[in-house]
Amino acid sequence: MSQPTPDPTRWLTDLMSTEHVMWPDLHIADTAKAMTAATAPWTKAVAEITALQLEALKTLAAPWTALMPGATPAAEPIKDRRFSSDAWTKDPRYEAVARTYLAQTDLMRKALAAAPIDEGSKAQWGFALQQVMDALSPANTLATNPEALQLAMETGGASLLEGMRLFTADLAKGRIAMTDESAFEVGRNVGTTPGTVVFQNELIQLIQYTPTTAEVYERPLVMIPPCINKYYILDLQPANSFVGHAVAEGHTVFLASWRNAGPEQSTLTWDDYIEHGVLKAIEVAQAITRADKVNMLGFCIGGVLLTSALAVLAARGERPAASVTLMTTMLDFTETGDLGLLVSPEMMAARDAAIGKGGLLKGSELAQVFASLRANDLIWPYVVKGYLKGQAPPAFDLLYWNSDDTNLPGPMFCWYLRNCYLENNIGKPGGTTQLGEQVDFRSIGAPTFVYASKEDHIVPWKSAYVSAQLLTGDITFVLGASGHIAGVINPPAKNKRNYWTNDALGAEPEGWLDGAEKVPGSWWPAWYTWLATYAGTQVDAPREPGNAEYTPIEEAPGAYVREKAS
């Protein structure tokens, strides 16, 4: 008689069913199911990565087999703009190098996407991986860049000598030059809108701009630019000056020019920026114009400071804002884009230990962080054109401003980093205490114009939209084309780009955009029309800046904006 086939799991089943052993309510089938569930993500990942490897082997081999006599050329042209020049395709060896690089980077991205790790970790690893992949591009190396090699041959090596000169000059400055910095000077051809500094303290100079119309609106417009950059992004040159255009529309414009923090300002806090920056600017503007209320504008972190200051005043029973304009401002930091990937509890602890009690965050460090978010736009093209090809960058006012670094006090920066990017406290009702008041953005209650840029890599437009939901009152949301700066600085005369409007503010940004109207040209005229509603009646333009209490100190742009980060 044949014996039954032994059951390899029978001993475990018998053991678990033994009455004198107090086992939990666990069965072998449940155990097997739990083990399968636990290993499933890794099993799936291994299978996907194996498939990716097999696919990659074919993709990696294709460019090199194409070099063989009689081989069929690649059907798909290279779309990556780093390899768009004919020099990459007319020599099949360089085309093979480019295609191999692109295939390898594609494999690495897909492998990371298949990894069974949480989405937050995956995003952080993806950001780091992207930095490495961008740096390893064959376009960034002389030996594998046919454009640079061809130019070197044509110039007899002169392009390489000039590239070395440019590299040495940049090395001395400690940064990669993005524009011809000798072409610009603050007060000479950027930051030139006429005005007068009518107040200054340790933190700001307040500029009152000279009217260009016979009459002005009775309520002034007070602008709070970002403190992480110089204010003249809003006043580049006459043709694209946001300030100049606002003045031409009949507004009496006051603007806070933040001080470039030095050792004397190294212990200033977020509360100092609220009290001695935003609140002081409001106080002085009202005192000079004797207006019942003011219109307020905040740009980027300037918008965060502005809304915080207005919430502090609301907690004290004061509401001086007739209207509020927020440009590319994030108040809800749930989804912060790539910038938020750099912030972690460990990084925050290191910052607190280094500069949280006193010290400076160097402007050059901030500039490097922002550049890394778009390395293929703000780093490597200048390396290739400058150092490999010997081509100095042309003069460009916006990039000159972008290279004009600004330091921040360590305590102020650490408070901002923790309560915004790390813990997202600032948008929660009562989530932060500022100047002794529980801050709640809902208490501001002023009509608000919220502008966001569709391709913004610093303030994602959907986060700006969600941020608008934290406010109360009449909210107007406008979405412009392009990025964080180019979308904002878009004067009407150029008739460039477009913007979207939709009066129906639903909970979801995608739904808002689906129902939005696309309008060609600049969003500035729509804002002018909106702002005039809250600006009051027309009165005679003031003949002189300031008043008996706040007398002229110096002509715009003032001394603070000229201070260089050290």
Protein backbone atom coordinates (compact mmCIF):
# COMPACT_ATOMS: atom_id res chain seq x y z
CA MET A 1 0.00 0.00 0.00
CA SER A 2 1.35 3.40 -0.93
CA GLN A 3 1.93 5.94 1.81
CA PRO A 4 0.28 9.41 1.62
CA THR A 5 2.53 12.26 0.57
CA PRO A 6 3.80 14.08 3.68
CA ASP A 7 2.40 17.56 4.21
CA PRO A 8 5.35 19.88 5.00
CA THR A 9 3.10 22.28 6.93
CA ARG A 10 1.25 19.58 8.91
CA TRP A 11 3.59 19.76 11.91
CA LEU A 12 3.01 23.52 12.26
CA THR A 13 -0.77 23.09 11.93
CA ASP A 14 -0.78 20.36 14.56
CA LEU A 15 1.37 22.42 16.90
CA MET A 16 -0.93 25.46 16.64
CA SER A 17 -4.00 23.34 17.30
CA THR A 18 -2.56 21.74 20.47
CA GLU A 19 -4.95 22.56 23.27
CA HIS A 20 -2.40 23.03 26.04
CA VAL A 21 -0.58 25.80 24.11
CA MET A 22 -2.15 29.28 24.33
CA TRP A 23 -1.68 30.42 20.74
CA PRO A 24 -3.37 33.54 19.38
CA ASP A 25 -6.17 33.21 16.89
CA LEU A 26 -3.81 32.54 14.04
CA HIS A 27 -4.01 29.99 11.26
CA ILE A 28 -1.40 28.86 8.79
CA ALA A 29 -3.42 30.21 5.88
CA ASP A 30 -3.53 33.63 7.52
CA THR A 31 0.20 33.49 8.13
CA ALA A 32 0.92 32.64 4.52
CA LYS A 33 -1.41 35.42 3.37
CA ALA A 34 0.31 37.95 5.64
CA MET A 35 3.75 36.91 4.41
CA THR A 36 2.61 37.17 0.82
CA ALA A 37 1.15 40.62 1.43
CA ALA A 38 4.34 41.80 3.11
CA THR A 39 6.58 40.63 0.29
CA ALA A 40 4.25 41.57 -2.57
CA PRO A 41 5.55 45.14 -3.03
CA TRP A 42 9.13 43.92 -3.21
CA THR A 43 8.21 41.01 -5.50
CA LYS A 44 6.39 43.42 -7.79
CA ALA A 45 9.33 45.85 -7.70
CA VAL A 46 11.85 43.13 -8.57
CA ALA A 47 9.68 42.02 -11.47
CA GLU A 48 9.26 45.56 -12.77
CA ILE A 49 12.95 46.42 -12.43
CA THR A 50 13.93 43.16 -14.16
CA ALA A 51 11.63 44.05 -17.03
CA LEU A 52 13.09 47.55 -17.10
CA GLN A 53 16.62 46.13 -17.24
CA LEU A 54 15.76 43.93 -20.19
CA GLU A 55 14.14 46.85 -21.96
CA ALA A 56 17.12 49.06 -21.10
CA LEU A 57 19.59 46.54 -22.55
CA LYS A 58 17.82 46.83 -25.88
CA THR A 59 17.63 50.61 -25.65
CA LEU A 60 21.27 50.97 -24.65
CA ALA A 61 22.42 48.68 -27.42
CA ALA A 62 20.37 50.41 -30.12
CA PRO A 63 22.56 53.52 -30.53
CA TRP A 64 25.68 51.42 -30.94
CA THR A 65 24.21 48.84 -33.31
CA ALA A 66 23.04 51.80 -35.39
CA LEU A 67 26.73 52.56 -36.05
CA MET A 68 27.17 49.30 -37.93
CA PRO A 69 27.17 49.42 -41.76
CA GLY A 70 23.69 49.06 -43.21
CA ALA A 71 21.95 49.70 -39.89
CA THR A 72 18.66 51.58 -39.91
CA PRO A 73 18.90 55.09 -38.36
CA ALA A 74 16.90 55.79 -35.25
CA ALA A 75 13.30 56.61 -36.10
CA GLU A 76 12.74 59.08 -33.27
CA PRO A 77 14.84 62.27 -33.22
CA ILE A 78 16.37 63.40 -29.92
CA LYS A 79 13.98 65.88 -28.30
CA ASP A 80 16.17 66.95 -25.38
CA ARG A 81 17.29 70.54 -26.08
CA ARG A 82 20.77 69.85 -24.66
CA PHE A 83 21.39 67.70 -27.75
CA SER A 84 19.36 69.68 -30.28
CA SER A 85 22.32 70.96 -32.31
CA ASP A 86 23.14 69.23 -35.61
CA ALA A 87 26.60 68.50 -34.23
CA TRP A 88 25.07 65.75 -32.07
CA THR A 89 23.47 63.92 -34.98
CA LYS A 90 25.80 64.43 -37.93
CA ASP A 91 28.45 62.33 -36.15
CA PRO A 92 26.74 59.03 -35.15
CA ARG A 93 29.23 58.45 -32.34
CA TYR A 94 28.05 61.52 -30.44
CA GLU A 95 24.45 60.68 -31.16
CA ALA A 96 25.08 57.26 -29.63
CA VAL A 97 26.58 58.88 -26.53
CA ALA A 98 23.58 61.17 -26.14
CA ARG A 99 21.04 58.39 -26.66
CA THR A 100 22.86 56.12 -24.22
CA TYR A 101 22.85 58.82 -21.57
CA LEU A 102 19.14 59.48 -22.07
CA ALA A 103 18.36 55.75 -21.93
CA GLN A 104 20.33 55.34 -18.69
CA THR A 105 18.63 58.29 -17.01
CA ASP A 106 15.24 57.03 -18.13
CA LEU A 107 15.99 53.60 -16.63
CA MET A 108 17.03 55.15 -13.31
CA ARG A 109 13.83 57.21 -13.10
CA LYS A 110 11.68 54.20 -13.84
CA ALA A 111 13.55 52.03 -11.37
CA LEU A 112 12.98 54.62 -8.65
CA ALA A 113 9.30 54.85 -9.59
CA ALA A 114 9.01 51.07 -9.18
CA ALA A 115 10.72 51.00 -5.78
CA PRO A 116 8.35 50.06 -2.91
CA ILE A 117 9.01 53.14 -0.77
CA ASP A 118 6.69 55.93 0.36
CA GLU A 119 6.00 58.80 -2.01
CA GLY A 120 7.78 61.37 0.16
CA SER A 121 11.03 59.39 0.18
CA LYS A 122 10.64 58.67 -3.51
CA ALA A 123 10.32 62.38 -4.25
CA GLN A 124 13.41 63.23 -2.19
CA TRP A 125 15.47 60.52 -3.88
CA GLY A 126 14.12 61.66 -7.23
CA PHE A 127 15.30 65.21 -6.63
CA ALA A 128 18.78 64.04 -5.63
CA LEU A 129 18.91 61.66 -8.59
CA GLN A 130 17.94 64.44 -10.96
CA GLN A 131 20.81 66.62 -9.73
CA VAL A 132 23.28 63.80 -10.37
CA MET A 133 21.85 62.96 -13.79
CA ASP A 134 21.90 66.60 -14.88
CA ALA A 135 25.53 66.95 -13.80
CA LEU A 136 26.58 63.80 -15.69
CA SER A 137 25.16 64.93 -19.01
CA PRO A 138 27.71 64.44 -21.84
CA ALA A 139 26.89 68.00 -22.92
CA ASN A 140 28.67 69.26 -19.79
CA THR A 141 32.06 67.74 -20.66
CA LEU A 142 34.42 68.94 -23.39
CA ALA A 143 35.41 65.46 -24.53
CA THR A 144 31.81 64.43 -25.20
CA ASN A 145 30.40 67.73 -26.46
CA PRO A 146 30.80 67.93 -30.26
CA GLU A 147 29.61 71.57 -30.37
CA ALA A 148 32.39 72.72 -28.05
CA LEU A 149 35.01 70.60 -29.81
CA GLN A 150 33.98 71.90 -33.21
CA LEU A 151 34.14 75.51 -31.98
CA ALA A 152 37.58 74.91 -30.49
CA MET A 153 38.82 73.62 -33.83
CA GLU A 154 37.29 76.56 -35.73
CA THR A 155 38.82 79.15 -33.39
CA GLY A 156 42.19 77.50 -33.05
CA GLY A 157 41.60 76.96 -29.34
CA ALA A 158 40.65 80.59 -28.65
CA SER A 159 37.22 79.53 -27.35
CA LEU A 160 38.88 77.30 -24.75
CA LEU A 161 41.18 80.09 -23.61
CA GLU A 162 38.23 82.45 -23.25
CA GLY A 163 36.32 79.73 -21.39
CA MET A 164 39.19 79.39 -18.94
CA ARG A 165 39.17 83.17 -18.42
CA LEU A 166 35.44 83.15 -17.70
CA PHE A 167 35.84 80.18 -15.35
CA THR A 168 38.60 81.95 -13.42
CA ALA A 169 36.50 85.12 -13.14
CA ASP A 170 33.51 83.14 -11.83
CA LEU A 171 35.72 81.25 -9.42
CA ALA A 172 36.87 84.54 -7.93
CA LYS A 173 33.23 85.68 -7.53
CA GLY A 174 32.16 82.35 -6.07
CA ARG A 175 29.25 81.86 -8.50
CA ILE A 176 28.44 81.17 -12.13
CA ALA A 177 27.79 84.37 -14.08
CA MET A 178 24.36 84.36 -15.76
CA THR A 179 24.56 87.82 -17.30
CA ASP A 180 26.98 90.63 -18.02
CA GLU A 181 26.91 92.21 -14.56
CA SER A 182 28.92 95.22 -15.69
CA ALA A 183 25.99 96.28 -17.88
CA PHE A 184 23.77 97.20 -14.93
CA GLU A 185 23.87 99.38 -11.85
CA VAL A 186 21.06 99.93 -9.36
CA GLY A 187 19.86 103.50 -9.69
CA ARG A 188 21.47 103.98 -13.11
CA ASN A 189 19.53 101.60 -15.38
CA VAL A 190 17.62 99.34 -12.97
CA GLY A 191 15.56 100.57 -10.03
CA THR A 192 15.16 103.99 -11.65
CA THR A 193 11.54 104.99 -11.03
CA PRO A 194 11.75 108.45 -9.36
CA GLY A 195 10.96 108.49 -5.66
CA THR A 196 12.19 109.44 -2.21
CA VAL A 197 13.13 107.54 0.92
CA VAL A 198 10.81 109.03 3.57
CA PHE A 199 11.55 106.65 6.45
CA GLN A 200 14.21 104.19 7.54
CA ASN A 201 14.99 102.00 10.52
CA GLU A 202 17.31 99.07 11.09
CA LEU A 203 15.27 96.86 8.77
CA ILE A 204 13.68 98.88 5.96
CA GLN A 205 13.82 102.04 3.93
CA LEU A 206 10.36 103.13 2.84
CA ILE A 207 10.24 104.71 -0.62
CA GLN A 208 7.44 107.04 -1.67
CA TYR A 209 7.36 107.24 -5.48
CA THR A 210 6.88 110.51 -7.32
CA PRO A 211 3.45 110.83 -8.96
CA THR A 212 3.29 111.12 -12.74
CA THR A 213 -0.40 112.05 -12.94
CA ALA A 214 -2.12 115.28 -11.93
CA GLU A 215 -4.49 113.36 -9.69
CA VAL A 216 -3.99 110.22 -7.63
CA TYR A 217 -6.23 107.85 -5.74
CA GLU A 218 -6.74 108.91 -2.13
CA ARG A 219 -5.73 105.49 -0.77
CA PRO A 220 -2.06 104.64 -1.28
CA LEU A 221 -0.67 101.32 -2.47
CA VAL A 222 1.89 99.81 -0.07
CA MET A 223 4.13 97.11 -1.58
CA ILE A 224 5.94 94.46 0.47
CA PRO A 225 8.46 92.72 -1.81
CA PRO A 226 10.27 89.50 -0.87
CA CYS A 227 13.02 89.96 1.70
CA ILE A 228 15.08 87.15 0.20
CA ASN A 229 15.81 89.31 -2.86
CA LYS A 230 16.28 92.99 -3.67
CA TYR A 231 13.06 94.93 -4.21
CA TYR A 232 13.91 96.14 -7.71
CA ILE A 233 12.49 93.03 -9.32
CA LEU A 234 9.38 95.23 -9.18
CA ASP A 235 11.28 98.14 -10.74
CA LEU A 236 13.71 96.77 -13.30
CA GLN A 237 13.63 99.19 -16.23
CA PRO A 238 10.96 101.71 -17.28
CA ALA A 239 9.39 99.41 -19.86
CA ASN A 240 8.89 96.50 -17.44
CA SER A 241 8.65 98.29 -14.07
CA PHE A 242 5.68 97.04 -12.06
CA VAL A 243 6.11 100.04 -9.76
CA GLY A 244 6.33 102.52 -12.63
CA HIS A 245 3.17 101.19 -14.24
CA ALA A 246 1.26 101.38 -10.94
CA VAL A 247 2.35 105.00 -10.51
CA ALA A 248 1.22 105.76 -14.06
CA GLU A 249 -2.20 104.35 -13.17
CA GLY A 250 -2.58 107.06 -10.54
CA HIS A 251 -1.54 105.24 -7.38
CA THR A 252 0.63 106.77 -4.66
CA VAL A 253 3.06 103.89 -4.22
CA PHE A 254 5.04 103.19 -1.06
CA LEU A 255 7.54 100.31 -1.15
CA ALA A 256 9.57 98.67 1.61
CA SER A 257 13.21 98.18 0.65
CA TRP A 258 14.53 95.45 2.96
CA ARG A 259 17.99 95.78 4.39
CA ASN A 260 20.63 93.29 3.30
CA ALA A 261 21.26 91.72 6.72
CA GLY A 262 24.73 92.02 8.17
CA PRO A 263 26.24 91.12 11.57
CA GLU A 264 24.23 93.89 13.28
CA GLN A 265 20.97 92.32 12.08
CA SER A 266 21.97 88.70 12.74
CA THR A 267 19.62 88.27 15.72
CA LEU A 268 16.49 89.77 14.15
CA THR A 269 13.41 87.57 14.28
CA TRP A 270 10.27 86.96 12.22
CA ASP A 271 8.40 89.21 14.67
CA ASP A 272 10.92 91.99 13.97
CA TYR A 273 10.16 91.74 10.26
CA ILE A 274 6.44 92.02 11.00
CA GLU A 275 6.70 94.88 13.50
CA HIS A 276 9.53 97.00 12.12
CA GLY A 277 8.93 96.09 8.48
CA VAL A 278 5.31 95.60 7.41
CA LEU A 279 3.50 97.33 10.27
CA LYS A 280 5.83 100.32 10.14
CA ALA A 281 5.33 100.69 6.39
CA ILE A 282 1.54 100.74 6.87
CA GLU A 283 1.81 103.27 9.70
CA VAL A 284 4.03 105.68 7.77
CA ALA A 285 1.99 105.46 4.55
CA GLN A 286 -1.21 106.24 6.43
CA ALA A 287 0.41 109.08 8.33
CA ILE A 288 1.75 110.73 5.15
CA THR A 289 -1.40 110.35 3.05
CA ARG A 290 -3.88 110.63 5.95
CA ALA A 291 -5.91 107.90 4.24
CA ASP A 292 -8.48 105.91 6.19
CA LYS A 293 -7.19 102.68 4.69
CA VAL A 294 -4.41 101.49 2.36
CA ASN A 295 -4.22 98.98 -0.44
CA MET A 296 -1.60 96.33 0.26
CA LEU A 297 0.51 94.14 -2.03
CA GLY A 298 2.81 91.26 -1.06
CA PHE A 299 5.06 89.27 -3.39
CA CYS A 300 6.25 85.73 -2.53
CA ILE A 301 7.52 85.66 1.09
CA GLY A 302 6.51 89.33 1.21
CA GLY A 303 2.95 88.06 0.88
CA VAL A 304 3.44 85.72 3.85
CA LEU A 305 4.79 88.61 5.94
CA LEU A 306 1.94 90.84 4.82
CA THR A 307 -0.88 88.41 5.62
CA SER A 308 0.75 87.63 8.97
CA ALA A 309 0.94 91.34 9.82
CA LEU A 310 -2.68 91.94 8.84
CA ALA A 311 -3.79 88.96 10.93
CA VAL A 312 -1.87 90.37 13.91
CA LEU A 313 -3.66 93.71 13.45
CA ALA A 314 -7.02 91.94 13.10
CA ALA A 315 -6.40 90.18 16.41
CA ARG A 316 -5.96 93.67 17.90
CA GLY A 317 -9.18 94.89 16.34
CA GLU A 318 -7.46 96.88 13.55
CA ARG A 319 -8.17 96.42 9.83
CA PRO A 320 -6.26 99.04 7.81
CA ALA A 321 -6.33 97.19 4.45
CA ALA A 322 -8.91 98.32 1.90
CA SER A 323 -7.65 95.49 -0.31
CA VAL A 324 -4.87 92.91 -0.45
CA THR A 325 -2.95 91.67 -3.49
CA LEU A 326 -0.87 88.49 -3.16
CA MET A 327 1.51 87.57 -5.99
CA THR A 328 2.94 84.04 -6.11
CA THR A 329 2.38 83.61 -2.38
CA MET A 330 2.05 80.33 -0.51
CA LEU A 331 0.17 80.28 2.79
CA ASP A 332 -0.65 76.56 2.82
CA PHE A 333 2.60 74.59 2.68
CA THR A 334 1.13 71.11 2.27
CA GLU A 335 2.45 70.78 -1.28
CA THR A 336 5.60 72.84 -1.67
CA GLY A 337 7.12 71.35 -4.81
CA ASP A 338 10.81 70.50 -5.07
CA LEU A 339 11.83 73.21 -2.61
CA GLY A 340 10.05 71.42 0.22
CA LEU A 341 11.99 68.23 -0.48
CA LEU A 342 15.11 69.90 0.89
CA VAL A 343 13.55 70.49 4.32
CA SER A 344 13.63 67.68 6.91
CA PRO A 345 13.68 67.50 10.73
CA GLU A 346 17.40 66.72 10.58
CA MET A 347 18.11 69.68 8.34
CA MET A 348 15.96 71.91 10.57
CA ALA A 349 17.84 70.81 13.69
CA ALA A 350 21.16 71.59 12.00
CA ARG A 351 19.95 75.05 10.97
CA ASP A 352 18.64 75.82 14.46
CA ALA A 353 21.96 74.80 15.98
CA ALA A 354 24.00 76.84 13.50
CA ILE A 355 22.06 80.11 13.11
CA GLY A 356 18.79 79.76 15.03
CA LYS A 357 19.98 81.91 17.94
CA GLY A 358 22.02 84.30 15.83
CA GLY A 359 23.94 84.34 12.58
CA LEU A 360 23.26 84.83 8.89
CA LEU A 361 21.87 82.74 6.10
CA LYS A 362 24.10 83.77 3.22
CA GLY A 363 22.38 84.98 0.10
CA SER A 364 24.77 82.95 -2.05
CA GLU A 365 23.51 79.77 -0.40
CA LEU A 366 19.90 80.67 -1.14
CA ALA A 367 20.82 81.44 -4.74
CA GLN A 368 22.44 78.03 -5.15
CA VAL A 369 19.34 76.31 -3.76
CA PHE A 370 17.01 78.12 -6.12
CA ALA A 371 19.30 77.46 -9.08
CA SER A 372 19.41 73.74 -8.28
CA LEU A 373 15.63 73.55 -8.68
CA ARG A 374 16.15 74.28 -12.38
CA ALA A 375 19.73 73.18 -12.94
CA ASN A 376 19.27 72.67 -16.67
CA ASP A 377 18.12 76.28 -16.99
CA LEU A 378 20.16 78.12 -14.37
CA ILE A 379 23.42 76.20 -13.99
CA TRP A 380 24.56 73.90 -16.77
CA PRO A 381 23.76 76.07 -19.83
CA TYR A 382 26.07 78.75 -18.42
CA VAL A 383 28.78 76.17 -17.74
CA VAL A 384 28.56 74.86 -21.31
CA LYS A 385 28.33 78.21 -23.06
CA GLY A 386 30.82 79.96 -20.80
CA TYR A 387 33.52 77.44 -19.91
CA LEU A 388 33.34 75.00 -22.86
CA LYS A 389 32.49 77.45 -25.64
CA GLY A 390 33.99 80.68 -24.29
CA GLN A 391 30.78 82.65 -24.79
CA ALA A 392 30.12 85.29 -22.13
CA PRO A 393 26.45 85.64 -21.15
CA PRO A 394 24.56 88.62 -22.62
CA ALA A 395 23.16 91.48 -20.55
CA PHE A 396 19.76 90.64 -19.03
CA ASP A 397 18.22 92.75 -16.28
CA LEU A 398 16.22 89.95 -14.66
CA LEU A 399 19.27 87.70 -14.33
CA TYR A 400 21.32 90.60 -12.98
CA TRP A 401 18.72 90.96 -10.23
CA ASN A 402 18.76 87.19 -9.70
CA SER A 403 22.52 87.35 -9.01
CA ASP A 404 22.22 90.23 -6.52
CA ASP A 405 22.24 88.11 -3.34
CA THR A 406 20.59 89.05 -0.04
CA ASN A 407 21.43 87.71 3.43
CA LEU A 408 18.78 86.87 6.03
CA PRO A 409 19.02 86.82 9.84
CA GLY A 410 19.29 83.25 11.09
CA PRO A 411 16.51 83.42 13.73
CA MET A 412 14.05 84.91 11.25
CA PHE A 413 14.88 82.34 8.57
CA CYS A 414 14.68 79.38 10.96
CA TRP A 415 11.26 80.48 12.23
CA TYR A 416 10.01 80.74 8.64
CA LEU A 417 11.47 77.39 7.64
CA ARG A 418 9.99 75.55 10.62
CA ASN A 419 6.53 77.11 10.70
CA CYS A 420 6.04 77.08 6.96
CA TYR A 421 7.94 74.34 5.14
CA LEU A 422 8.53 71.83 7.94
CA GLU A 423 5.42 71.98 10.11
CA ASN A 424 2.97 74.04 8.03
CA ASN A 425 1.77 75.89 11.12
CA ILE A 426 1.35 79.34 9.66
CA GLY A 427 -1.87 78.68 7.79
CA LYS A 428 -3.58 76.90 10.68
CA PRO A 429 -5.94 79.14 12.69
CA GLY A 430 -4.02 79.90 15.87
CA GLY A 431 -1.13 77.75 14.66
CA THR A 432 1.45 80.47 15.31
CA THR A 433 1.87 83.29 17.80
CA GLN A 434 3.29 86.45 16.24
CA LEU A 435 3.88 89.62 18.24
CA GLY A 436 1.93 87.99 21.06
CA GLU A 437 -1.19 87.36 18.94
CA GLN A 438 -2.71 84.10 17.74
CA VAL A 439 -2.61 84.41 13.96
CA ASP A 440 -5.67 83.45 11.93
CA PHE A 441 -5.71 84.47 8.26
CA ARG A 442 -9.50 84.19 8.20
CA SER A 443 -9.71 87.26 10.41
CA ILE A 444 -8.27 89.62 7.76
CA GLY A 445 -11.50 89.75 5.78
CA ALA A 446 -10.30 92.18 3.09
CA PRO A 447 -11.04 91.78 -0.64
CA THR A 448 -8.06 89.90 -2.02
CA PHE A 449 -6.56 89.50 -5.50
CA VAL A 450 -4.47 86.33 -5.64
CA TYR A 451 -2.10 85.88 -8.59
CA ALA A 452 -0.23 82.64 -9.34
CA SER A 453 2.01 81.53 -12.21
CA LYS A 454 1.25 78.25 -13.98
CA GLU A 455 4.87 77.11 -14.36
CA ASP A 456 6.07 78.40 -10.98
CA HIS A 457 8.67 76.01 -9.49
CA ILE A 458 8.91 77.92 -6.18
CA VAL A 459 5.22 78.51 -5.39
CA PRO A 460 3.24 75.81 -7.25
CA TRP A 461 0.06 77.41 -8.56
CA LYS A 462 -2.18 74.76 -7.04
CA SER A 463 -0.71 75.53 -3.62
CA ALA A 464 -1.33 79.23 -4.19
CA TYR A 465 -4.94 78.35 -5.08
CA VAL A 466 -5.36 76.27 -1.92
CA SER A 467 -3.76 79.12 0.05
CA ALA A 468 -6.49 81.46 -1.19
CA GLN A 469 -9.02 79.18 0.50
CA LEU A 470 -7.54 80.16 3.88
CA LEU A 471 -8.74 83.73 3.39
CA THR A 472 -12.22 85.19 3.73
CA GLY A 473 -13.95 88.04 1.98
CA ASP A 474 -14.19 88.59 -1.76
CA ILE A 475 -11.39 86.50 -3.36
CA THR A 476 -10.31 86.94 -6.99
CA PHE A 477 -7.89 84.31 -8.32
CA VAL A 478 -5.94 84.83 -11.54
CA LEU A 479 -3.49 82.36 -13.07
CA GLY A 480 -0.80 83.66 -15.39
CA ALA A 481 1.42 81.81 -17.84
CA SER A 482 5.15 81.23 -17.29
CA GLY A 483 7.08 81.07 -14.02
CA HIS A 484 7.68 82.67 -10.64
CA ILE A 485 9.22 85.89 -11.99
CA ALA A 486 8.50 86.03 -15.73
CA GLY A 487 4.81 85.46 -15.10
CA VAL A 488 4.65 88.41 -12.71
CA ILE A 489 6.82 90.85 -14.66
CA ASN A 490 4.74 90.89 -17.84
CA PRO A 491 3.99 94.48 -18.94
CA PRO A 492 0.97 94.96 -21.20
CA ALA A 493 2.82 96.69 -24.05
CA LYS A 494 4.67 93.52 -24.97
CA ASN A 495 1.39 91.62 -25.35
CA LYS A 496 3.08 88.40 -24.27
CA ARG A 497 1.70 85.23 -22.74
CA ASN A 498 -1.83 84.91 -21.36
CA TYR A 499 -3.76 84.39 -18.14
CA TRP A 500 -6.84 82.53 -16.91
CA THR A 501 -9.80 83.84 -14.91
CA ASN A 502 -12.81 82.14 -13.34
CA ASP A 503 -15.12 83.73 -10.76
CA ALA A 504 -16.25 80.32 -9.49
CA LEU A 505 -13.74 79.41 -6.79
CA GLY A 506 -14.30 75.73 -6.05
CA ALA A 507 -12.33 73.55 -3.69
CA GLU A 508 -10.22 71.91 -6.42
CA PRO A 509 -7.73 73.90 -8.53
CA GLU A 510 -8.10 71.52 -11.51
CA GLY A 511 -11.83 72.16 -11.61
CA TRP A 512 -11.23 75.91 -11.48
CA LEU A 513 -8.82 75.73 -14.43
CA ASP A 514 -11.16 73.51 -16.46
CA GLY A 515 -13.85 76.20 -16.23
CA ALA A 516 -11.51 79.19 -16.60
CA GLU A 517 -11.42 81.63 -19.50
CA LYS A 518 -8.07 82.03 -21.25
CA VAL A 519 -7.29 85.70 -21.89
CA PRO A 520 -4.38 86.75 -24.16
CA GLY A 521 -1.74 89.19 -22.97
CA SER A 522 -0.73 90.56 -19.57
CA TRP A 523 -2.81 90.19 -16.40
CA TRP A 524 -1.79 93.68 -15.22
CA PRO A 525 -4.79 95.55 -16.77
CA ALA A 526 -7.22 93.17 -15.02
CA TRP A 527 -5.48 93.94 -11.73
CA TYR A 528 -5.57 97.72 -12.39
CA THR A 529 -9.34 97.53 -12.90
CA TRP A 530 -9.80 95.46 -9.74
CA LEU A 531 -7.55 97.71 -7.62
CA ALA A 532 -9.28 100.94 -8.69
CA THR A 533 -12.47 99.65 -7.03
CA TYR A 534 -10.82 99.93 -3.61
CA ALA A 535 -8.55 102.95 -4.16
CA GLY A 536 -11.07 105.66 -3.26
CA THR A 537 -11.70 108.95 -5.03
CA GLN A 538 -9.24 110.97 -7.08
CA VAL A 539 -7.42 113.84 -5.31
CA ASP A 540 -4.67 116.26 -6.31
CA ALA A 541 -1.27 114.58 -6.44
CA PRO A 542 1.04 115.60 -3.57
CA ARG A 543 3.59 118.23 -4.47
CA GLU A 544 6.26 116.96 -2.11
CA PRO A 545 7.06 113.55 -0.61
CA GLY A 546 6.60 112.82 3.10
CA ASN A 547 5.22 115.25 5.66
CA ALA A 548 6.39 117.21 8.69
CA GLU A 549 7.05 114.01 10.66
CA TYR A 550 8.51 111.90 7.86
CA THR A 551 10.83 114.12 5.88
CA PRO A 552 12.88 113.12 2.81
CA ILE A 553 16.08 111.22 3.60
CA GLU A 554 17.51 110.51 0.14
CA GLU A 555 16.43 109.86 -3.41
CA ALA A 556 15.29 106.41 -4.53
CA PRO A 557 16.46 103.72 -4.83
CA GLY A 558 18.13 104.42 -1.47
CA ALA A 559 21.18 103.01 0.26
CA TYR A 560 19.79 99.69 1.54
CA VAL A 561 19.21 98.20 -1.91
CA ARG A 562 22.79 98.99 -2.90
CA GLU A 563 24.30 97.01 -0.01
CA LYS A 564 25.99 93.84 -1.26
CA ALA A 565 25.87 90.50 0.53
CA SER A 566 29.22 89.59 2.03
